PDB file of N, CA and C in Angstrom:
ATOM      1  N   MET A   1       0.846  -1.178   0.000  1.00  0.00           N
ATOM      2  CA  MET A   1       0.000   0.000   0.000  1.00  0.00           C
ATOM      3  C   MET A   1       0.895   1.247   0.000  1.00  0.00           C
ATOM      4  N   THR A   2       0.590   2.184  -0.881  1.00  0.00           N
ATOM      5  CA  THR A   2       1.337   3.431  -0.981  1.00  0.00           C
ATOM      6  C   THR A   2       0.741   4.466  -0.042  1.00  0.00           C
ATOM      7  N   HIS A   3       1.623   5.209   0.623  1.00  0.00           N
ATOM      8  CA  HIS A   3       1.193   6.257   1.556  1.00  0.00           C
ATOM      9  C   HIS A   3       1.982   7.519   1.225  1.00  0.00           C
ATOM     10  N   THR A   4       1.289   8.582   0.916  1.00  0.00           N
ATOM     11  CA  THR A   4       1.940   9.853   0.577  1.00  0.00           C
ATOM     12  C   THR A   4       1.340  10.978   1.406  1.00  0.00           C
ATOM     13  N   GLN A   5       2.211  11.824   1.951  1.00  0.00           N
ATOM     14  CA  GLN A   5       1.761  13.006   2.686  1.00  0.00           C
ATOM     15  C   GLN A   5       2.630  14.190   2.275  1.00  0.00           C
ATOM     16  N   ASP A   6       2.121  15.365   2.481  1.00  0.00           N
ATOM     17  CA  ASP A   6       2.851  16.588   2.202  1.00  0.00           C
ATOM     18  C   ASP A   6       2.894  17.401   3.490  1.00  0.00           C
ATOM     19  N   TRP A   7       4.036  17.417   4.146  1.00  0.00           N
ATOM     20  CA  TRP A   7       4.206  18.200   5.364  1.00  0.00           C
ATOM     21  C   TRP A   7       4.919  19.498   5.002  1.00  0.00           C
ATOM     22  N   LYS A   8       4.514  20.573   5.629  1.00  0.00           N
ATOM     23  CA  LYS A   8       5.130  21.865   5.370  1.00  0.00           C
ATOM     24  C   LYS A   8       5.758  22.401   6.656  1.00  0.00           C
ATOM     25  N   VAL A   9       6.934  22.969   6.501  1.00  0.00           N
ATOM     26  CA  VAL A   9       7.631  23.613   7.618  1.00  0.00           C
ATOM     27  C   VAL A   9       7.622  25.111   7.353  1.00  0.00           C
ATOM     28  N   ARG A  10       7.171  25.866   8.350  1.00  0.00           N
ATOM     29  CA  ARG A  10       7.243  27.329   8.271  1.00  0.00           C
ATOM     30  C   ARG A  10       8.479  27.764   9.069  1.00  0.00           C
ATOM     31  N   LEU A  11       9.250  28.652   8.478  1.00  0.00           N
ATOM     32  CA  LEU A  11      10.460  29.130   9.130  1.00  0.00           C
ATOM     33  C   LEU A  11      10.354  30.642   9.304  1.00  0.00           C
ATOM     34  N   HIS A  12      10.409  31.085  10.542  1.00  0.00           N
ATOM     35  CA  HIS A  12      10.280  32.510  10.870  1.00  0.00           C
ATOM     36  C   HIS A  12      11.632  33.000  11.387  1.00  0.00           C
ATOM     37  N   LEU A  13      12.127  34.099  10.818  1.00  0.00           N
ATOM     38  CA  LEU A  13      13.399  34.682  11.233  1.00  0.00           C
ATOM     39  C   LEU A  13      13.171  36.071  11.809  1.00  0.00           C
ATOM     40  N   PHE A  14      13.834  36.353  12.918  1.00  0.00           N
ATOM     41  CA  PHE A  14      13.715  37.643  13.602  1.00  0.00           C
ATOM     42  C   PHE A  14      15.124  38.145  13.896  1.00  0.00           C
ATOM     43  N   GLU A  15      15.443  39.353  13.452  1.00  0.00           N
ATOM     44  CA  GLU A  15      16.763  39.906  13.713  1.00  0.00           C
ATOM     45  C   GLU A  15      16.631  41.155  14.570  1.00  0.00           C
ATOM     46  N   ASP A  16      17.488  41.228  15.584  1.00  0.00           N
ATOM     47  CA  ASP A  16      17.520  42.396  16.455  1.00  0.00           C
ATOM     48  C   ASP A  16      18.979  42.670  16.789  1.00  0.00           C
ATOM     49  N   GLY A  17      19.522  43.688  16.146  1.00  0.00           N
ATOM     50  CA  GLY A  17      20.929  43.998  16.369  1.00  0.00           C
ATOM     51  C   GLY A  17      21.803  42.861  15.866  1.00  0.00           C
ATOM     52  N   GLY A  18      22.642  42.336  16.734  1.00  0.00           N
ATOM     53  CA  GLY A  18      23.540  41.251  16.351  1.00  0.00           C
ATOM     54  C   GLY A  18      22.998  39.872  16.655  1.00  0.00           C
ATOM     55  N   THR A  19      21.713  39.766  16.954  1.00  0.00           N
ATOM     56  CA  THR A  19      21.120  38.469  17.290  1.00  0.00           C
ATOM     57  C   THR A  19      20.030  38.120  16.284  1.00  0.00           C
ATOM     58  N   THR A  20      20.084  36.907  15.774  1.00  0.00           N
ATOM     59  CA  THR A  20      19.040  36.398  14.886  1.00  0.00           C
ATOM     60  C   THR A  20      18.395  35.201  15.560  1.00  0.00           C
ATOM     61  N   LYS A  21      17.083  35.205  15.626  1.00  0.00           N
ATOM     62  CA  LYS A  21      16.324  34.090  16.196  1.00  0.00           C
ATOM     63  C   LYS A  21      15.489  33.466  15.085  1.00  0.00           C
ATOM     64  N   ALA A  22      15.360  32.154  15.154  1.00  0.00           N
ATOM     65  CA  ALA A  22      14.562  31.441  14.158  1.00  0.00           C
ATOM     66  C   ALA A  22      13.609  30.496  14.872  1.00  0.00           C
ATOM     67  N   ARG A  23      12.439  30.328  14.262  1.00  0.00           N
ATOM     68  CA  ARG A  23      11.442  29.377  14.764  1.00  0.00           C
ATOM     69  C   ARG A  23      10.966  28.566  13.569  1.00  0.00           C
ATOM     70  N   ALA A  24      11.126  27.252  13.649  1.00  0.00           N
ATOM     71  CA  ALA A  24      10.660  26.347  12.601  1.00  0.00           C
ATOM     72  C   ALA A  24       9.443  25.607  13.137  1.00  0.00           C
ATOM     73  N   VAL A  25       8.352  25.618  12.379  1.00  0.00           N
ATOM     74  CA  VAL A  25       7.099  25.000  12.819  1.00  0.00           C
ATOM     75  C   VAL A  25       6.670  23.965  11.790  1.00  0.00           C
ATOM     76  N   LEU A  26       6.482  22.729  12.257  1.00  0.00           N
ATOM     77  CA  LEU A  26       5.987  21.641  11.418  1.00  0.00           C
ATOM     78  C   LEU A  26       4.590  21.285  11.893  1.00  0.00           C
ATOM     79  N   ASP A  27       3.612  21.423  10.997  1.00  0.00           N
ATOM     80  CA  ASP A  27       2.232  21.041  11.309  1.00  0.00           C
ATOM     81  C   ASP A  27       1.994  19.626  10.814  1.00  0.00           C
ATOM     82  N   ILE A  28       1.601  18.758  11.741  1.00  0.00           N
ATOM     83  CA  ILE A  28       1.283  17.370  11.396  1.00  0.00           C
ATOM     84  C   ILE A  28      -0.153  17.147  11.852  1.00  0.00           C
ATOM     85  N   GLY A  29      -1.083  17.309  10.941  1.00  0.00           N
ATOM     86  CA  GLY A  29      -2.486  17.150  11.308  1.00  0.00           C
ATOM     87  C   GLY A  29      -2.885  18.187  12.335  1.00  0.00           C
ATOM     88  N   ASP A  30      -3.320  17.720  13.506  1.00  0.00           N
ATOM     89  CA  ASP A  30      -3.742  18.646  14.564  1.00  0.00           C
ATOM     90  C   ASP A  30      -2.620  18.924  15.562  1.00  0.00           C
ATOM     91  N   THR A  31      -1.392  18.528  15.236  1.00  0.00           N
ATOM     92  CA  THR A  31      -0.238  18.726  16.112  1.00  0.00           C
ATOM     93  C   THR A  31       0.781  19.616  15.419  1.00  0.00           C
ATOM     94  N   ALA A  32       1.422  20.469  16.194  1.00  0.00           N
ATOM     95  CA  ALA A  32       2.517  21.293  15.673  1.00  0.00           C
ATOM     96  C   ALA A  32       3.753  21.050  16.525  1.00  0.00           C
ATOM     97  N   ILE A  33       4.888  20.883  15.865  1.00  0.00           N
ATOM     98  CA  ILE A  33       6.160  20.735  16.556  1.00  0.00           C
ATOM     99  C   ILE A  33       6.987  21.962  16.193  1.00  0.00           C
ATOM    100  N   THR A  34       7.608  22.571  17.206  1.00  0.00           N
ATOM    101  CA  THR A  34       8.350  23.813  16.996  1.00  0.00           C
ATOM    102  C   THR A  34       9.804  23.654  17.421  1.00  0.00           C
ATOM    103  N   GLY A  35      10.700  24.121  16.567  1.00  0.00           N
ATOM    104  CA  GLY A  35      12.122  24.143  16.892  1.00  0.00           C
ATOM    105  C   GLY A  35      12.599  25.587  16.983  1.00  0.00           C
ATOM    106  N   GLN A  36      13.571  25.824  17.845  1.00  0.00           N
ATOM    107  CA  GLN A  36      14.107  27.169  18.064  1.00  0.00           C
ATOM    108  C   GLN A  36      15.600  27.194  17.748  1.00  0.00           C
ATOM    109  N   GLY A  37      16.064  28.320  17.241  1.00  0.00           N
ATOM    110  CA  GLY A  37      17.489  28.492  16.980  1.00  0.00           C
ATOM    111  C   GLY A  37      17.881  29.946  17.143  1.00  0.00           C
ATOM    112  N   VAL A  38      19.126  30.162  17.580  1.00  0.00           N
ATOM    113  CA  VAL A  38      19.629  31.519  17.799  1.00  0.00           C
ATOM    114  C   VAL A  38      21.054  31.610  17.259  1.00  0.00           C
ATOM    115  N   ALA A  39      21.385  32.754  16.672  1.00  0.00           N
ATOM    116  CA  ALA A  39      22.755  33.058  16.253  1.00  0.00           C
ATOM    117  C   ALA A  39      23.090  34.459  16.747  1.00  0.00           C
ATOM    118  N   ARG A  40      24.277  34.588  17.318  1.00  0.00           N
ATOM    119  CA  ARG A  40      24.716  35.894  17.815  1.00  0.00           C
ATOM    120  C   ARG A  40      26.009  36.286  17.111  1.00  0.00           C
ATOM    121  N   ARG A  41      26.028  37.486  16.585  1.00  0.00           N
ATOM    122  CA  ARG A  41      27.216  37.982  15.891  1.00  0.00           C
ATOM    123  C   ARG A  41      28.195  38.541  16.908  1.00  0.00           C
ATOM    124  N   ASN A  42      29.440  38.151  16.749  1.00  0.00           N
ATOM    125  CA  ASN A  42      30.505  38.725  17.553  1.00  0.00           C
ATOM    126  C   ASN A  42      30.616  40.201  17.174  1.00  0.00           C
ATOM    127  N   PRO A  43      30.666  41.108  18.133  1.00  0.00           N
ATOM    128  CA  PRO A  43      30.714  42.544  17.816  1.00  0.00           C
ATOM    129  C   PRO A  43      31.901  42.932  16.921  1.00  0.00           C
ATOM    130  N   HIS A  44      32.951  42.106  16.886  1.00  0.00           N
ATOM    131  CA  HIS A  44      34.126  42.405  16.079  1.00  0.00           C
ATOM    132  C   HIS A  44      33.997  41.883  14.647  1.00  0.00           C
ATOM    133  N   ASP A  45      32.966  41.067  14.372  1.00  0.00           N
ATOM    134  CA  ASP A  45      32.762  40.509  13.028  1.00  0.00           C
ATOM    135  C   ASP A  45      31.981  41.482  12.151  1.00  0.00           C
ATOM    136  N   ARG A  46      32.145  41.340  10.830  1.00  0.00           N
ATOM    137  CA  ARG A  46      31.365  42.145   9.894  1.00  0.00           C
ATOM    138  C   ARG A  46      29.889  41.772  10.018  1.00  0.00           C
ATOM    139  N   ASP A  47      29.027  42.719   9.737  1.00  0.00           N
ATOM    140  CA  ASP A  47      27.580  42.489   9.806  1.00  0.00           C
ATOM    141  C   ASP A  47      27.099  41.911   8.476  1.00  0.00           C
ATOM    142  N   ILE A  48      26.932  40.576   8.454  1.00  0.00           N
ATOM    143  CA  ILE A  48      26.436  39.884   7.259  1.00  0.00           C
ATOM    144  C   ILE A  48      25.195  39.111   7.701  1.00  0.00           C
ATOM    145  N   PRO A  49      24.010  39.731   7.578  1.00  0.00           N
ATOM    146  CA  PRO A  49      22.779  39.131   8.098  1.00  0.00           C
ATOM    147  C   PRO A  49      22.494  37.723   7.570  1.00  0.00           C
ATOM    148  N   GLU A  50      22.892  37.432   6.329  1.00  0.00           N
ATOM    149  CA  GLU A  50      22.600  36.116   5.750  1.00  0.00           C
ATOM    150  C   GLU A  50      23.229  34.989   6.570  1.00  0.00           C
ATOM    151  N   ILE A  51      24.416  35.240   7.120  1.00  0.00           N
ATOM    152  CA  ILE A  51      25.090  34.203   7.912  1.00  0.00           C
ATOM    153  C   ILE A  51      24.311  33.939   9.196  1.00  0.00           C
ATOM    154  N   GLY A  52      23.841  34.993   9.854  1.00  0.00           N
ATOM    155  CA  GLY A  52      23.017  34.818  11.053  1.00  0.00           C
ATOM    156  C   GLY A  52      21.729  34.085  10.735  1.00  0.00           C
ATOM    157  N   ASP A  53      21.114  34.417   9.587  1.00  0.00           N
ATOM    158  CA  ASP A  53      19.893  33.719   9.167  1.00  0.00           C
ATOM    159  C   ASP A  53      20.159  32.233   8.981  1.00  0.00           C
ATOM    160  N   GLU A  54      21.262  31.918   8.280  1.00  0.00           N
ATOM    161  CA  GLU A  54      21.588  30.516   8.011  1.00  0.00           C
ATOM    162  C   GLU A  54      21.853  29.740   9.301  1.00  0.00           C
ATOM    163  N   LEU A  55      22.624  30.334  10.196  1.00  0.00           N
ATOM    164  CA  LEU A  55      22.928  29.656  11.456  1.00  0.00           C
ATOM    165  C   LEU A  55      21.680  29.453  12.305  1.00  0.00           C
ATOM    166  N   ALA A  56      20.902  30.511  12.481  1.00  0.00           N
ATOM    167  CA  ALA A  56      19.699  30.409  13.312  1.00  0.00           C
ATOM    168  C   ALA A  56      18.698  29.433  12.702  1.00  0.00           C
ATOM    169  N   ALA A  57      18.503  29.495  11.384  1.00  0.00           N
ATOM    170  CA  ALA A  57      17.561  28.597  10.716  1.00  0.00           C
ATOM    171  C   ALA A  57      18.034  27.148  10.828  1.00  0.00           C
ATOM    172  N   GLY A  58      19.306  26.913  10.596  1.00  0.00           N
ATOM    173  CA  GLY A  58      19.841  25.560  10.706  1.00  0.00           C
ATOM    174  C   GLY A  58      19.679  25.006  12.109  1.00  0.00           C
ATOM    175  N   ARG A  59      19.924  25.834  13.106  1.00  0.00           N
ATOM    176  CA  ARG A  59      19.772  25.396  14.502  1.00  0.00           C
ATOM    177  C   ARG A  59      18.312  25.127  14.839  1.00  0.00           C
ATOM    178  N   ALA A  60      17.403  25.954  14.322  1.00  0.00           N
ATOM    179  CA  ALA A  60      15.975  25.732  14.561  1.00  0.00           C
ATOM    180  C   ALA A  60      15.512  24.430  13.911  1.00  0.00           C
ATOM    181  N   MET A  61      15.979  24.174  12.697  1.00  0.00           N
ATOM    182  CA  MET A  61      15.580  22.940  12.020  1.00  0.00           C
ATOM    183  C   MET A  61      16.202  21.713  12.684  1.00  0.00           C
ATOM    184  N   ASN A  62      17.414  21.858  13.204  1.00  0.00           N
ATOM    185  CA  ASN A  62      18.049  20.773  13.945  1.00  0.00           C
ATOM    186  C   ASN A  62      17.256  20.475  15.222  1.00  0.00           C
ATOM    187  N   ASP A  63      16.832  21.509  15.916  1.00  0.00           N
ATOM    188  CA  ASP A  63      16.008  21.348  17.112  1.00  0.00           C
ATOM    189  C   ASP A  63      14.683  20.683  16.760  1.00  0.00           C
ATOM    190  N   LEU A  64      14.073  21.107  15.662  1.00  0.00           N
ATOM    191  CA  LEU A  64      12.825  20.514  15.186  1.00  0.00           C
ATOM    192  C   LEU A  64      13.020  19.033  14.877  1.00  0.00           C
ATOM    193  N   ALA A  65      14.122  18.695  14.206  1.00  0.00           N
ATOM    194  CA  ALA A  65      14.401  17.297  13.863  1.00  0.00           C
ATOM    195  C   ALA A  65      14.532  16.442  15.123  1.00  0.00           C
ATOM    196  N   ARG A  66      15.246  16.938  16.131  1.00  0.00           N
ATOM    197  CA  ARG A  66      15.389  16.185  17.394  1.00  0.00           C
ATOM    198  C   ARG A  66      14.033  15.967  18.051  1.00  0.00           C
ATOM    199  N   LYS A  67      13.188  16.974  18.036  1.00  0.00           N
ATOM    200  CA  LYS A  67      11.864  16.839  18.648  1.00  0.00           C
ATOM    201  C   LYS A  67      10.984  15.865  17.878  1.00  0.00           C
ATOM    202  N   LEU A  68      11.063  15.896  16.541  1.00  0.00           N
ATOM    203  CA  LEU A  68      10.284  14.970  15.721  1.00  0.00           C
ATOM    204  C   LEU A  68      10.746  13.528  15.967  1.00  0.00           C
ATOM    205  N   LEU A  69      12.047  13.312  16.078  1.00  0.00           N
ATOM    206  CA  LEU A  69      12.562  11.977  16.380  1.00  0.00           C
ATOM    207  C   LEU A  69      12.104  11.506  17.761  1.00  0.00           C
ATOM    208  N   SER A  70      12.023  12.431  18.713  1.00  0.00           N
ATOM    209  CA  SER A  70      11.539  12.091  20.052  1.00  0.00           C
ATOM    210  C   SER A  70      10.068  11.670  20.013  1.00  0.00           C
ATOM    211  N   VAL A  71       9.265  12.372  19.225  1.00  0.00           N
ATOM    212  CA  VAL A  71       7.857  12.008  19.066  1.00  0.00           C
ATOM    213  C   VAL A  71       7.748  10.612  18.459  1.00  0.00           C
ATOM    214  N   ALA A  72       8.557  10.343  17.436  1.00  0.00           N
ATOM    215  CA  ALA A  72       8.532   9.027  16.793  1.00  0.00           C
ATOM    216  C   ALA A  72       8.938   7.940  17.780  1.00  0.00           C
ATOM    217  N   GLN A  73       9.970   8.202  18.586  1.00  0.00           N
ATOM    218  CA  GLN A  73      10.414   7.229  19.591  1.00  0.00           C
ATOM    219  C   GLN A  73       9.309   6.943  20.594  1.00  0.00           C
ATOM    220  N   SER A  74       8.612   7.965  21.035  1.00  0.00           N
ATOM    221  CA  SER A  74       7.488   7.767  21.968  1.00  0.00           C
ATOM    222  C   SER A  74       6.389   6.937  21.317  1.00  0.00           C
ATOM    223  N   ASP A  75       6.110   7.196  20.045  1.00  0.00           N
ATOM    224  CA  ASP A  75       5.099   6.414  19.329  1.00  0.00           C
ATOM    225  C   ASP A  75       5.521   4.949  19.218  1.00  0.00           C
ATOM    226  N   ILE A  76       6.789   4.713  18.927  1.00  0.00           N
ATOM    227  CA  ILE A  76       7.300   3.340  18.835  1.00  0.00           C
ATOM    228  C   ILE A  76       7.166   2.632  20.174  1.00  0.00           C
ATOM    229  N   GLU A  77       7.532   3.318  21.243  1.00  0.00           N
ATOM    230  CA  GLU A  77       7.434   2.718  22.573  1.00  0.00           C
ATOM    231  C   GLU A  77       5.983   2.422  22.935  1.00  0.00           C
ATOM    232  N   GLY A  78       5.059   3.290  22.511  1.00  0.00           N
ATOM    233  CA  GLY A  78       3.646   3.083  22.783  1.00  0.00           C
ATOM    234  C   GLY A  78       3.111   1.843  22.085  1.00  0.00           C
ATOM    235  N   ILE A  79       3.619   1.573  20.895  1.00  0.00           N
ATOM    236  CA  ILE A  79       3.203   0.391  20.149  1.00  0.00           C
ATOM    237  C   ILE A  79       3.866  -0.860  20.707  1.00  0.00           C
ATOM    238  N   SER A  80       5.158  -0.731  21.057  1.00  0.00           N
ATOM    239  CA  SER A  80       5.919  -1.878  21.556  1.00  0.00           C
ATOM    240  C   SER A  80       5.484  -2.296  22.958  1.00  0.00           C
ATOM    241  N   HIS A  81       5.098  -1.336  23.783  1.00  0.00           N
ATOM    242  CA  HIS A  81       4.733  -1.598  25.174  1.00  0.00           C
ATOM    243  C   HIS A  81       3.374  -0.974  25.477  1.00  0.00           C
ATOM    244  N   PRO A  82       2.314  -1.532  24.915  1.00  0.00           N
ATOM    245  CA  PRO A  82       0.991  -0.939  25.159  1.00  0.00           C
ATOM    246  C   PRO A  82       0.635  -0.986  26.641  1.00  0.00           C
ATOM    247  N   GLY A  83      -0.119   0.029  27.047  1.00  0.00           N
ATOM    248  CA  GLY A  83      -0.556   0.110  28.454  1.00  0.00           C
ATOM    249  C   GLY A  83      -1.597  -0.933  28.775  1.00  0.00           C
ATOM    250  N   PRO A  84      -2.061  -0.964  30.043  1.00  0.00           N
ATOM    251  CA  PRO A  84      -3.041  -1.963  30.482  1.00  0.00           C
ATOM    252  C   PRO A  84      -4.370  -1.870  29.785  1.00  0.00           C
TER     253      PRO A  84
END
């Protein structure tokens, strides 16, 4: 049996001075999983916003991936060890 789904991730970037924050949101049906990421520019470095965006976004997506894997692990454990 073939199973196909289309999941979408929304990525929000916020910059304030030398700090870039990112939030990645994955909607799975009626559940949303959110990952967070932050990048801080060293005051002595050149101001290149794209690098902060890339770092913060990558960290947010990495956080999201870890959380999604944790959800999957919990689901596996629920199937492997059903409650009473």
